[in-house]
Amino acid sequence: MASPQQQKLKVHGPVAVTANRLTDGAVVWRTRGDGWSADLAEAAIVTTADAAIALLADAQKRDIDAVGAYVAPVLLEADGSVRPGNLRERIRVAGPTFELPH
């Protein structure tokens, strides 16, 4: 895998870095405080490729808390709330699109 600095990253709007928590697989978002949160509202949101690459590089330094970090689009609502920016992220946040067997 190429280092974040070597990746060609195109940013068209607000993005955040997401991954899966190592302990339980939960979807987590990189925060401004160099941590992870399961709450998208706490995610560090950036709007440039350079800022996204820096955030991703920081997230990938330590793969002991969360794994598989990548940059994902988000939507900033007029009221200040943040929502996933594409179908993949909506499914990751909301869970399966069908009822799981019991």
PDB file of N, CA and C in Angstrom:
ATOM      1  N   MET A   1       0.841  -1.180   0.000  1.00  0.00           N
ATOM      2  CA  MET A   1       0.000   0.000   0.000  1.00  0.00           C
ATOM      3  C   MET A   1       0.882   1.238   0.000  1.00  0.00           C
ATOM      4  N   ALA A   2       0.542   2.199  -0.799  1.00  0.00           N
ATOM      5  CA  ALA A   2       1.298   3.448  -0.865  1.00  0.00           C
ATOM      6  C   ALA A   2       1.061   4.260   0.401  1.00  0.00           C
ATOM      7  N   SER A   3       2.069   4.999   0.789  1.00  0.00           N
ATOM      8  CA  SER A   3       1.892   5.858   1.956  1.00  0.00           C
ATOM      9  C   SER A   3       0.891   6.955   1.619  1.00  0.00           C
ATOM     10  N   PRO A   4       0.239   7.527   2.637  1.00  0.00           N
ATOM     11  CA  PRO A   4      -0.732   8.589   2.363  1.00  0.00           C
ATOM     12  C   PRO A   4      -0.143   9.742   1.566  1.00  0.00           C
ATOM     13  N   GLN A   5       1.138  10.038   1.784  1.00  0.00           N
ATOM     14  CA  GLN A   5       1.759  11.146   1.074  1.00  0.00           C
ATOM     15  C   GLN A   5       1.926  10.845  -0.412  1.00  0.00           C
ATOM     16  N   GLN A   6       1.958   9.565  -0.790  1.00  0.00           N
ATOM     17  CA  GLN A   6       2.141   9.183  -2.185  1.00  0.00           C
ATOM     18  C   GLN A   6       0.820   9.015  -2.927  1.00  0.00           C
ATOM     19  N   GLN A   7      -0.264   8.983  -2.209  1.00  0.00           N
ATOM     20  CA  GLN A   7      -1.561   8.775  -2.826  1.00  0.00           C
ATOM     21  C   GLN A   7      -2.043  10.037  -3.541  1.00  0.00           C
ATOM     22  N   LYS A   8      -2.714   9.843  -4.654  1.00  0.00           N
ATOM     23  CA  LYS A   8      -3.350  10.949  -5.368  1.00  0.00           C
ATOM     24  C   LYS A   8      -4.764  11.043  -4.832  1.00  0.00           C
ATOM     25  N   LEU A   9      -5.009  12.007  -4.010  1.00  0.00           N
ATOM     26  CA  LEU A   9      -6.299  12.137  -3.362  1.00  0.00           C
ATOM     27  C   LEU A   9      -7.011  13.359  -3.912  1.00  0.00           C
ATOM     28  N   LYS A  10      -8.214  13.156  -4.390  1.00  0.00           N
ATOM     29  CA  LYS A  10      -9.022  14.260  -4.885  1.00  0.00           C
ATOM     30  C   LYS A  10     -10.114  14.533  -3.870  1.00  0.00           C
ATOM     31  N   VAL A  11     -10.218  15.771  -3.466  1.00  0.00           N
ATOM     32  CA  VAL A  11     -11.227  16.169  -2.490  1.00  0.00           C
ATOM     33  C   VAL A  11     -12.156  17.172  -3.153  1.00  0.00           C
ATOM     34  N   HIS A  12     -13.434  16.823  -3.175  1.00  0.00           N
ATOM     35  CA  HIS A  12     -14.455  17.692  -3.764  1.00  0.00           C
ATOM     36  C   HIS A  12     -15.515  17.950  -2.708  1.00  0.00           C
ATOM     37  N   GLY A  13     -15.190  18.777  -1.752  1.00  0.00           N
ATOM     38  CA  GLY A  13     -16.117  19.042  -0.656  1.00  0.00           C
ATOM     39  C   GLY A  13     -15.581  18.498   0.651  1.00  0.00           C
ATOM     40  N   PRO A  14     -16.398  18.549   1.679  1.00  0.00           N
ATOM     41  CA  PRO A  14     -15.934  18.124   3.004  1.00  0.00           C
ATOM     42  C   PRO A  14     -15.738  16.605   3.085  1.00  0.00           C
ATOM     43  N   VAL A  15     -14.667  16.225   3.789  1.00  0.00           N
ATOM     44  CA  VAL A  15     -14.350  14.805   3.992  1.00  0.00           C
ATOM     45  C   VAL A  15     -13.907  14.589   5.433  1.00  0.00           C
ATOM     46  N   ALA A  16     -13.945  13.331   5.838  1.00  0.00           N
ATOM     47  CA  ALA A  16     -13.457  12.918   7.149  1.00  0.00           C
ATOM     48  C   ALA A  16     -12.713  11.606   6.970  1.00  0.00           C
ATOM     49  N   VAL A  17     -11.929  11.238   7.970  1.00  0.00           N
ATOM     50  CA  VAL A  17     -11.235   9.954   7.938  1.00  0.00           C
ATOM     51  C   VAL A  17     -12.017   8.977   8.804  1.00  0.00           C
ATOM     52  N   THR A  18     -12.292   7.819   8.240  1.00  0.00           N
ATOM     53  CA  THR A  18     -13.046   6.786   8.946  1.00  0.00           C
ATOM     54  C   THR A  18     -12.265   5.484   8.933  1.00  0.00           C
ATOM     55  N   ALA A  19     -12.607   4.606   9.860  1.00  0.00           N
ATOM     56  CA  ALA A  19     -11.955   3.294   9.975  1.00  0.00           C
ATOM     57  C   ALA A  19     -12.881   2.400  10.788  1.00  0.00           C
ATOM     58  N   ASN A  20     -12.370   1.243  11.148  1.00  0.00           N
ATOM     59  CA  ASN A  20     -13.108   0.350  12.023  1.00  0.00           C
ATOM     60  C   ASN A  20     -12.315   0.139  13.301  1.00  0.00           C
ATOM     61  N   ARG A  21     -13.007   0.260  14.436  1.00  0.00           N
ATOM     62  CA  ARG A  21     -12.360   0.078  15.731  1.00  0.00           C
ATOM     63  C   ARG A  21     -11.880  -1.359  15.829  1.00  0.00           C
ATOM     64  N   LEU A  22     -10.666  -1.528  16.280  1.00  0.00           N
ATOM     65  CA  LEU A  22     -10.039  -2.841  16.318  1.00  0.00           C
ATOM     66  C   LEU A  22     -10.714  -3.781  17.317  1.00  0.00           C
ATOM     67  N   THR A  23     -11.192  -3.265  18.416  1.00  0.00           N
ATOM     68  CA  THR A  23     -11.747  -4.133  19.459  1.00  0.00           C
ATOM     69  C   THR A  23     -13.069  -4.767  19.092  1.00  0.00           C
ATOM     70  N   ASP A  24     -13.918  -4.056  18.324  1.00  0.00           N
ATOM     71  CA  ASP A  24     -15.245  -4.597  18.034  1.00  0.00           C
ATOM     72  C   ASP A  24     -15.724  -4.365  16.605  1.00  0.00           C
ATOM     73  N   GLY A  25     -14.916  -3.739  15.761  1.00  0.00           N
ATOM     74  CA  GLY A  25     -15.277  -3.524  14.369  1.00  0.00           C
ATOM     75  C   GLY A  25     -16.203  -2.349  14.111  1.00  0.00           C
ATOM     76  N   ALA A  26     -16.551  -1.601  15.159  1.00  0.00           N
ATOM     77  CA  ALA A  26     -17.458  -0.464  15.002  1.00  0.00           C
ATOM     78  C   ALA A  26     -16.851   0.595  14.082  1.00  0.00           C
ATOM     79  N   VAL A  27     -17.720   1.295  13.355  1.00  0.00           N
ATOM     80  CA  VAL A  27     -17.294   2.407  12.504  1.00  0.00           C
ATOM     81  C   VAL A  27     -16.875   3.562  13.412  1.00  0.00           C
ATOM     82  N   VAL A  28     -15.693   4.106  13.163  1.00  0.00           N
ATOM     83  CA  VAL A  28     -15.196   5.243  13.946  1.00  0.00           C
ATOM     84  C   VAL A  28     -14.678   6.313  13.004  1.00  0.00           C
ATOM     85  N   TRP A  29     -14.614   7.534  13.530  1.00  0.00           N
ATOM     86  CA  TRP A  29     -14.194   8.716  12.772  1.00  0.00           C
ATOM     87  C   TRP A  29     -13.058   9.384  13.510  1.00  0.00           C
ATOM     88  N   ARG A  30     -12.055   9.840  12.758  1.00  0.00           N
ATOM     89  CA  ARG A  30     -10.899  10.520  13.355  1.00  0.00           C
ATOM     90  C   ARG A  30     -11.344  11.885  13.867  1.00  0.00           C
ATOM     91  N   THR A  31     -10.938  12.212  15.094  1.00  0.00           N
ATOM     92  CA  THR A  31     -11.303  13.490  15.700  1.00  0.00           C
ATOM     93  C   THR A  31     -10.131  14.463  15.629  1.00  0.00           C
ATOM     94  N   ARG A  32     -10.413  15.729  15.894  1.00  0.00           N
ATOM     95  CA  ARG A  32      -9.357  16.748  15.916  1.00  0.00           C
ATOM     96  C   ARG A  32      -8.344  16.482  17.023  1.00  0.00           C
ATOM     97  N   GLY A  33      -8.764  15.803  18.070  1.00  0.00           N
ATOM     98  CA  GLY A  33      -7.876  15.510  19.191  1.00  0.00           C
ATOM     99  C   GLY A  33      -7.041  14.264  19.011  1.00  0.00           C
ATOM    100  N   ASP A  34      -6.844  13.839  17.767  1.00  0.00           N
ATOM    101  CA  ASP A  34      -6.043  12.656  17.446  1.00  0.00           C
ATOM    102  C   ASP A  34      -6.598  11.374  18.040  1.00  0.00           C
ATOM    103  N   GLY A  35      -7.895  11.331  18.212  1.00  0.00           N
ATOM    104  CA  GLY A  35      -8.529  10.121  18.714  1.00  0.00           C
ATOM    105  C   GLY A  35      -9.542   9.611  17.704  1.00  0.00           C
ATOM    106  N   TRP A  36     -10.368   8.693  18.153  1.00  0.00           N
ATOM    107  CA  TRP A  36     -11.421   8.116  17.334  1.00  0.00           C
ATOM    108  C   TRP A  36     -12.734   8.241  18.075  1.00  0.00           C
ATOM    109  N   SER A  37     -13.819   8.438  17.348  1.00  0.00           N
ATOM    110  CA  SER A  37     -15.144   8.510  17.938  1.00  0.00           C
ATOM    111  C   SER A  37     -16.132   7.770  17.047  1.00  0.00           C
ATOM    112  N   ALA A  38     -17.076   7.090  17.665  1.00  0.00           N
ATOM    113  CA  ALA A  38     -18.140   6.430  16.913  1.00  0.00           C
ATOM    114  C   ALA A  38     -19.207   7.441  16.482  1.00  0.00           C
ATOM    115  N   ASP A  39     -19.098   8.676  16.957  1.00  0.00           N
ATOM    116  CA  ASP A  39     -20.055   9.735  16.647  1.00  0.00           C
ATOM    117  C   ASP A  39     -19.517  10.610  15.513  1.00  0.00           C
ATOM    118  N   LEU A  40     -20.163  10.569  14.366  1.00  0.00           N
ATOM    119  CA  LEU A  40     -19.730  11.359  13.214  1.00  0.00           C
ATOM    120  C   LEU A  40     -19.675  12.850  13.526  1.00  0.00           C
ATOM    121  N   ALA A  41     -20.511  13.315  14.442  1.00  0.00           N
ATOM    122  CA  ALA A  41     -20.521  14.739  14.810  1.00  0.00           C
ATOM    123  C   ALA A  41     -19.196  15.183  15.412  1.00  0.00           C
ATOM    124  N   GLU A  42     -18.406  14.261  15.927  1.00  0.00           N
ATOM    125  CA  GLU A  42     -17.115  14.590  16.546  1.00  0.00           C
ATOM    126  C   GLU A  42     -15.944  14.469  15.572  1.00  0.00           C
ATOM    127  N   ALA A  43     -16.215  14.107  14.330  1.00  0.00           N
ATOM    128  CA  ALA A  43     -15.155  13.903  13.340  1.00  0.00           C
ATOM    129  C   ALA A  43     -14.485  15.210  12.951  1.00  0.00           C
ATOM    130  N   ALA A  44     -13.201  15.119  12.652  1.00  0.00           N
ATOM    131  CA  ALA A  44     -12.464  16.246  12.083  1.00  0.00           C
ATOM    132  C   ALA A  44     -12.845  16.325  10.608  1.00  0.00           C
ATOM    133  N   ILE A  45     -13.395  17.448  10.195  1.00  0.00           N
ATOM    134  CA  ILE A  45     -13.828  17.641   8.809  1.00  0.00           C
ATOM    135  C   ILE A  45     -12.832  18.563   8.118  1.00  0.00           C
ATOM    136  N   VAL A  46     -12.357  18.154   6.956  1.00  0.00           N
ATOM    137  CA  VAL A  46     -11.426  18.971   6.174  1.00  0.00           C
ATOM    138  C   VAL A  46     -11.959  19.109   4.750  1.00  0.00           C
ATOM    139  N   THR A  47     -11.428  20.086   4.025  1.00  0.00           N
ATOM    140  CA  THR A  47     -11.943  20.347   2.675  1.00  0.00           C
ATOM    141  C   THR A  47     -10.868  20.425   1.596  1.00  0.00           C
ATOM    142  N   THR A  48      -9.621  20.123   1.958  1.00  0.00           N
ATOM    143  CA  THR A  48      -8.551  20.137   0.958  1.00  0.00           C
ATOM    144  C   THR A  48      -7.833  18.796   0.952  1.00  0.00           C
ATOM    145  N   ALA A  49      -7.241  18.458  -0.188  1.00  0.00           N
ATOM    146  CA  ALA A  49      -6.503  17.198  -0.304  1.00  0.00           C
ATOM    147  C   ALA A  49      -5.328  17.157   0.670  1.00  0.00           C
ATOM    148  N   ASP A  50      -4.604  18.272   0.810  1.00  0.00           N
ATOM    149  CA  ASP A  50      -3.459  18.289   1.721  1.00  0.00           C
ATOM    150  C   ASP A  50      -3.882  18.021   3.164  1.00  0.00           C
ATOM    151  N   ALA A  51      -4.967  18.643   3.582  1.00  0.00           N
ATOM    152  CA  ALA A  51      -5.456  18.427   4.950  1.00  0.00           C
ATOM    153  C   ALA A  51      -5.949  16.997   5.125  1.00  0.00           C
ATOM    154  N   ALA A  52      -6.605  16.439   4.111  1.00  0.00           N
ATOM    155  CA  ALA A  52      -7.089  15.059   4.183  1.00  0.00           C
ATOM    156  C   ALA A  52      -5.927  14.071   4.256  1.00  0.00           C
ATOM    157  N   ILE A  53      -4.899  14.309   3.462  1.00  0.00           N
ATOM    158  CA  ILE A  53      -3.722  13.438   3.480  1.00  0.00           C
ATOM    159  C   ILE A  53      -3.044  13.496   4.836  1.00  0.00           C
ATOM    160  N   ALA A  54      -2.927  14.686   5.409  1.00  0.00           N
ATOM    161  CA  ALA A  54      -2.304  14.823   6.733  1.00  0.00           C
ATOM    162  C   ALA A  54      -3.128  14.097   7.800  1.00  0.00           C
ATOM    163  N   LEU A  55      -4.440  14.240   7.750  1.00  0.00           N
ATOM    164  CA  LEU A  55      -5.320  13.581   8.713  1.00  0.00           C
ATOM    165  C   LEU A  55      -5.227  12.064   8.560  1.00  0.00           C
ATOM    166  N   LEU A  56      -5.206  11.588   7.336  1.00  0.00           N
ATOM    167  CA  LEU A  56      -5.096  10.158   7.074  1.00  0.00           C
ATOM    168  C   LEU A  56      -3.743   9.611   7.536  1.00  0.00           C
ATOM    169  N   ALA A  57      -2.681  10.337   7.249  1.00  0.00           N
ATOM    170  CA  ALA A  57      -1.346   9.903   7.671  1.00  0.00           C
ATOM    171  C   ALA A  57      -1.271   9.791   9.184  1.00  0.00           C
ATOM    172  N   ASP A  58      -1.847  10.764   9.873  1.00  0.00           N
ATOM    173  CA  ASP A  58      -1.859  10.731  11.328  1.00  0.00           C
ATOM    174  C   ASP A  58      -2.649   9.525  11.831  1.00  0.00           C
ATOM    175  N   ALA A  59      -3.769   9.246  11.200  1.00  0.00           N
ATOM    176  CA  ALA A  59      -4.615   8.118  11.607  1.00  0.00           C
ATOM    177  C   ALA A  59      -3.919   6.788  11.379  1.00  0.00           C
ATOM    178  N   GLN A  60      -3.108   6.700  10.335  1.00  0.00           N
ATOM    179  CA  GLN A  60      -2.454   5.437   9.996  1.00  0.00           C
ATOM    180  C   GLN A  60      -1.149   5.203  10.751  1.00  0.00           C
ATOM    181  N   LYS A  61      -0.700   6.180  11.517  1.00  0.00           N
ATOM    182  CA  LYS A  61       0.533   6.016  12.288  1.00  0.00           C
ATOM    183  C   LYS A  61       0.424   4.858  13.270  1.00  0.00           C
ATOM    184  N   ARG A  62      -0.745   4.755  13.865  1.00  0.00           N
ATOM    185  CA  ARG A  62      -0.962   3.733  14.885  1.00  0.00           C
ATOM    186  C   ARG A  62      -2.186   2.909  14.504  1.00  0.00           C
ATOM    187  N   ASP A  63      -1.959   1.705  14.045  1.00  0.00           N
ATOM    188  CA  ASP A  63      -3.064   0.817  13.708  1.00  0.00           C
ATOM    189  C   ASP A  63      -3.427  -0.078  14.893  1.00  0.00           C
ATOM    190  N   ILE A  64      -3.306   0.465  16.108  1.00  0.00           N
ATOM    191  CA  ILE A  64      -3.649  -0.356  17.274  1.00  0.00           C
ATOM    192  C   ILE A  64      -5.040  -0.037  17.806  1.00  0.00           C
ATOM    193  N   ASP A  65      -5.594   1.114  17.438  1.00  0.00           N
ATOM    194  CA  ASP A  65      -6.932   1.491  17.878  1.00  0.00           C
ATOM    195  C   ASP A  65      -7.979   1.229  16.796  1.00  0.00           C
ATOM    196  N   ALA A  66      -7.635   1.559  15.562  1.00  0.00           N
ATOM    197  CA  ALA A  66      -8.556   1.416  14.440  1.00  0.00           C
ATOM    198  C   ALA A  66      -7.765   1.002  13.205  1.00  0.00           C
ATOM    199  N   VAL A  67      -8.408   0.243  12.336  1.00  0.00           N
ATOM    200  CA  VAL A  67      -7.724  -0.265  11.146  1.00  0.00           C
ATOM    201  C   VAL A  67      -8.501   0.096   9.885  1.00  0.00           C
ATOM    202  N   GLY A  68      -7.778   0.111   8.769  1.00  0.00           N
ATOM    203  CA  GLY A  68      -8.413   0.350   7.480  1.00  0.00           C
ATOM    204  C   GLY A  68      -8.844   1.787   7.260  1.00  0.00           C
ATOM    205  N   ALA A  69      -8.098   2.730   7.795  1.00  0.00           N
ATOM    206  CA  ALA A  69      -8.478   4.143   7.680  1.00  0.00           C
ATOM    207  C   ALA A  69      -8.468   4.603   6.222  1.00  0.00           C
ATOM    208  N   TYR A  70      -9.469   5.400   5.888  1.00  0.00           N
ATOM    209  CA  TYR A  70      -9.537   6.006   4.559  1.00  0.00           C
ATOM    210  C   TYR A  70     -10.355   7.290   4.633  1.00  0.00           C
ATOM    211  N   VAL A  71     -10.273   8.082   3.571  1.00  0.00           N
ATOM    212  CA  VAL A  71     -10.976   9.362   3.495  1.00  0.00           C
ATOM    213  C   VAL A  71     -12.361   9.118   2.900  1.00  0.00           C
ATOM    214  N   ALA A  72     -13.383   9.661   3.563  1.00  0.00           N
ATOM    215  CA  ALA A  72     -14.766   9.476   3.117  1.00  0.00           C
ATOM    216  C   ALA A  72     -15.475  10.825   3.029  1.00  0.00           C
ATOM    217  N   PRO A  73     -16.350  10.982   2.049  1.00  0.00           N
ATOM    218  CA  PRO A  73     -17.092  12.236   1.930  1.00  0.00           C
ATOM    219  C   PRO A  73     -18.153  12.360   3.024  1.00  0.00           C
ATOM    220  N   VAL A  74     -18.395  13.585   3.433  1.00  0.00           N
ATOM    221  CA  VAL A  74     -19.459  13.877   4.392  1.00  0.00           C
ATOM    222  C   VAL A  74     -20.260  15.068   3.881  1.00  0.00           C
ATOM    223  N   LEU A  75     -21.452  15.203   4.400  1.00  0.00           N
ATOM    224  CA  LEU A  75     -22.306  16.337   4.055  1.00  0.00           C
ATOM    225  C   LEU A  75     -22.472  17.203   5.291  1.00  0.00           C
ATOM    226  N   LEU A  76     -22.281  18.508   5.122  1.00  0.00           N
ATOM    227  CA  LEU A  76     -22.502  19.454   6.208  1.00  0.00           C
ATOM    228  C   LEU A  76     -23.864  20.092   5.992  1.00  0.00           C
ATOM    229  N   GLU A  77     -24.749  19.889   6.931  1.00  0.00           N
ATOM    230  CA  GLU A  77     -26.104  20.421   6.829  1.00  0.00           C
ATOM    231  C   GLU A  77     -26.144  21.885   7.281  1.00  0.00           C
ATOM    232  N   ALA A  78     -27.188  22.594   6.904  1.00  0.00           N
ATOM    233  CA  ALA A  78     -27.344  24.011   7.253  1.00  0.00           C
ATOM    234  C   ALA A  78     -27.383  24.213   8.764  1.00  0.00           C
ATOM    235  N   ASP A  79     -27.885  23.224   9.499  1.00  0.00           N
ATOM    236  CA  ASP A  79     -27.967  23.347  10.954  1.00  0.00           C
ATOM    237  C   ASP A  79     -26.657  22.974  11.656  1.00  0.00           C
ATOM    238  N   GLY A  80     -25.621  22.651  10.869  1.00  0.00           N
ATOM    239  CA  GLY A  80     -24.321  22.317  11.439  1.00  0.00           C
ATOM    240  C   GLY A  80     -24.094  20.836  11.662  1.00  0.00           C
ATOM    241  N   SER A  81     -25.105  20.035  11.440  1.00  0.00           N
ATOM    242  CA  SER A  81     -24.941  18.590  11.623  1.00  0.00           C
ATOM    243  C   SER A  81     -24.160  17.992  10.455  1.00  0.00           C
ATOM    244  N   VAL A  82     -23.610  16.820  10.689  1.00  0.00           N
ATOM    245  CA  VAL A  82     -22.807  16.127   9.689  1.00  0.00           C
ATOM    246  C   VAL A  82     -23.472  14.790   9.375  1.00  0.00           C
ATOM    247  N   ARG A  83     -23.541  14.467   8.076  1.00  0.00           N
ATOM    248  CA  ARG A  83     -24.092  13.187   7.646  1.00  0.00           C
ATOM    249  C   ARG A  83     -23.104  12.503   6.712  1.00  0.00           C
ATOM    250  N   PRO A  84     -23.172  11.177   6.614  1.00  0.00           N
ATOM    251  CA  PRO A  84     -22.331  10.482   5.633  1.00  0.00           C
ATOM    252  C   PRO A  84     -22.615  11.011   4.234  1.00  0.00           C
ATOM    253  N   GLY A  85     -21.583  11.091   3.406  1.00  0.00           N
ATOM    254  CA  GLY A  85     -21.716  11.723   2.103  1.00  0.00           C
ATOM    255  C   GLY A  85     -21.999  10.809   0.935  1.00  0.00           C
ATOM    256  N   ASN A  86     -22.040   9.497   1.169  1.00  0.00           N
ATOM    257  CA  ASN A  86     -22.375   8.589   0.069  1.00  0.00           C
ATOM    258  C   ASN A  86     -23.060   7.339   0.629  1.00  0.00           C
ATOM    259  N   LEU A  87     -23.549   6.502  -0.256  1.00  0.00           N
ATOM    260  CA  LEU A  87     -24.305   5.321   0.147  1.00  0.00           C
ATOM    261  C   LEU A  87     -23.477   4.378   1.013  1.00  0.00           C
ATOM    262  N   ARG A  88     -22.251   4.143   0.624  1.00  0.00           N
ATOM    263  CA  ARG A  88     -21.388   3.237   1.397  1.00  0.00           C
ATOM    264  C   ARG A  88     -21.299   3.686   2.847  1.00  0.00           C
ATOM    265  N   GLU A  89     -21.043   4.969   3.063  1.00  0.00           N
ATOM    266  CA  GLU A  89     -20.887   5.464   4.433  1.00  0.00           C
ATOM    267  C   GLU A  89     -22.228   5.470   5.175  1.00  0.00           C
ATOM    268  N   ARG A  90     -23.324   5.730   4.486  1.00  0.00           N
ATOM    269  CA  ARG A  90     -24.640   5.649   5.147  1.00  0.00           C
ATOM    270  C   ARG A  90     -24.902   4.238   5.640  1.00  0.00           C
ATOM    271  N   ILE A  91     -24.551   3.241   4.836  1.00  0.00           N
ATOM    272  CA  ILE A  91     -24.735   1.847   5.249  1.00  0.00           C
ATOM    273  C   ILE A  91     -23.804   1.509   6.403  1.00  0.00           C
ATOM    274  N   ARG A  92     -22.573   1.953   6.343  1.00  0.00           N
ATOM    275  CA  ARG A  92     -21.627   1.664   7.429  1.00  0.00           C
ATOM    276  C   ARG A  92     -22.111   2.256   8.747  1.00  0.00           C
ATOM    277  N   VAL A  93     -22.672   3.453   8.694  1.00  0.00           N
ATOM    278  CA  VAL A  93     -23.136   4.119   9.916  1.00  0.00           C
ATOM    279  C   VAL A  93     -24.447   3.516  10.425  1.00  0.00           C
ATOM    280  N   ALA A  94     -25.372   3.223   9.518  1.00  0.00           N
ATOM    281  CA  ALA A  94     -26.700   2.761   9.917  1.00  0.00           C
ATOM    282  C   ALA A  94     -26.794   1.254  10.116  1.00  0.00           C
ATOM    283  N   GLY A  95     -25.869   0.503   9.545  1.00  0.00           N
ATOM    284  CA  GLY A  95     -25.936  -0.944   9.673  1.00  0.00           C
ATOM    285  C   GLY A  95     -26.514  -1.588   8.431  1.00  0.00           C
ATOM    286  N   PRO A  96     -26.725  -2.901   8.476  1.00  0.00           N
ATOM    287  CA  PRO A  96     -27.193  -3.647   7.304  1.00  0.00           C
ATOM    288  C   PRO A  96     -28.500  -3.094   6.752  1.00  0.00           C
ATOM    289  N   THR A  97     -28.681  -3.299   5.456  1.00  0.00           N
ATOM    290  CA  THR A  97     -29.897  -2.811   4.785  1.00  0.00           C
ATOM    291  C   THR A  97     -31.005  -3.867   4.789  1.00  0.00           C
ATOM    292  N   PHE A  98     -30.771  -4.977   5.487  1.00  0.00           N
ATOM    293  CA  PHE A  98     -31.773  -6.034   5.604  1.00  0.00           C
ATOM    294  C   PHE A  98     -31.745  -6.557   7.031  1.00  0.00           C
ATOM    295  N   GLU A  99     -32.803  -7.207   7.423  1.00  0.00           N
ATOM    296  CA  GLU A  99     -32.883  -7.744   8.782  1.00  0.00           C
ATOM    297  C   GLU A  99     -32.015  -8.995   8.885  1.00  0.00           C
ATOM    298  N   LEU A 100     -31.183  -9.025   9.902  1.00  0.00           N
ATOM    299  CA  LEU A 100     -30.314 -10.179  10.116  1.00  0.00           C
ATOM    300  C   LEU A 100     -31.116 -11.317  10.739  1.00  0.00           C
ATOM    301  N   PRO A 101     -30.784 -12.564  10.403  1.00  0.00           N
ATOM    302  CA  PRO A 101     -31.487 -13.693  11.010  1.00  0.00           C
ATOM    303  C   PRO A 101     -31.210 -13.765  12.508  1.00  0.00           C
ATOM    304  N   HIS A 102     -32.174 -14.279  13.235  1.00  0.00           N
ATOM    305  CA  HIS A 102     -32.018 -14.357  14.696  1.00  0.00           C
ATOM    306  C   HIS A 102     -31.467 -15.696  15.104  1.00  0.00           C
TER     307      HIS A 102
END
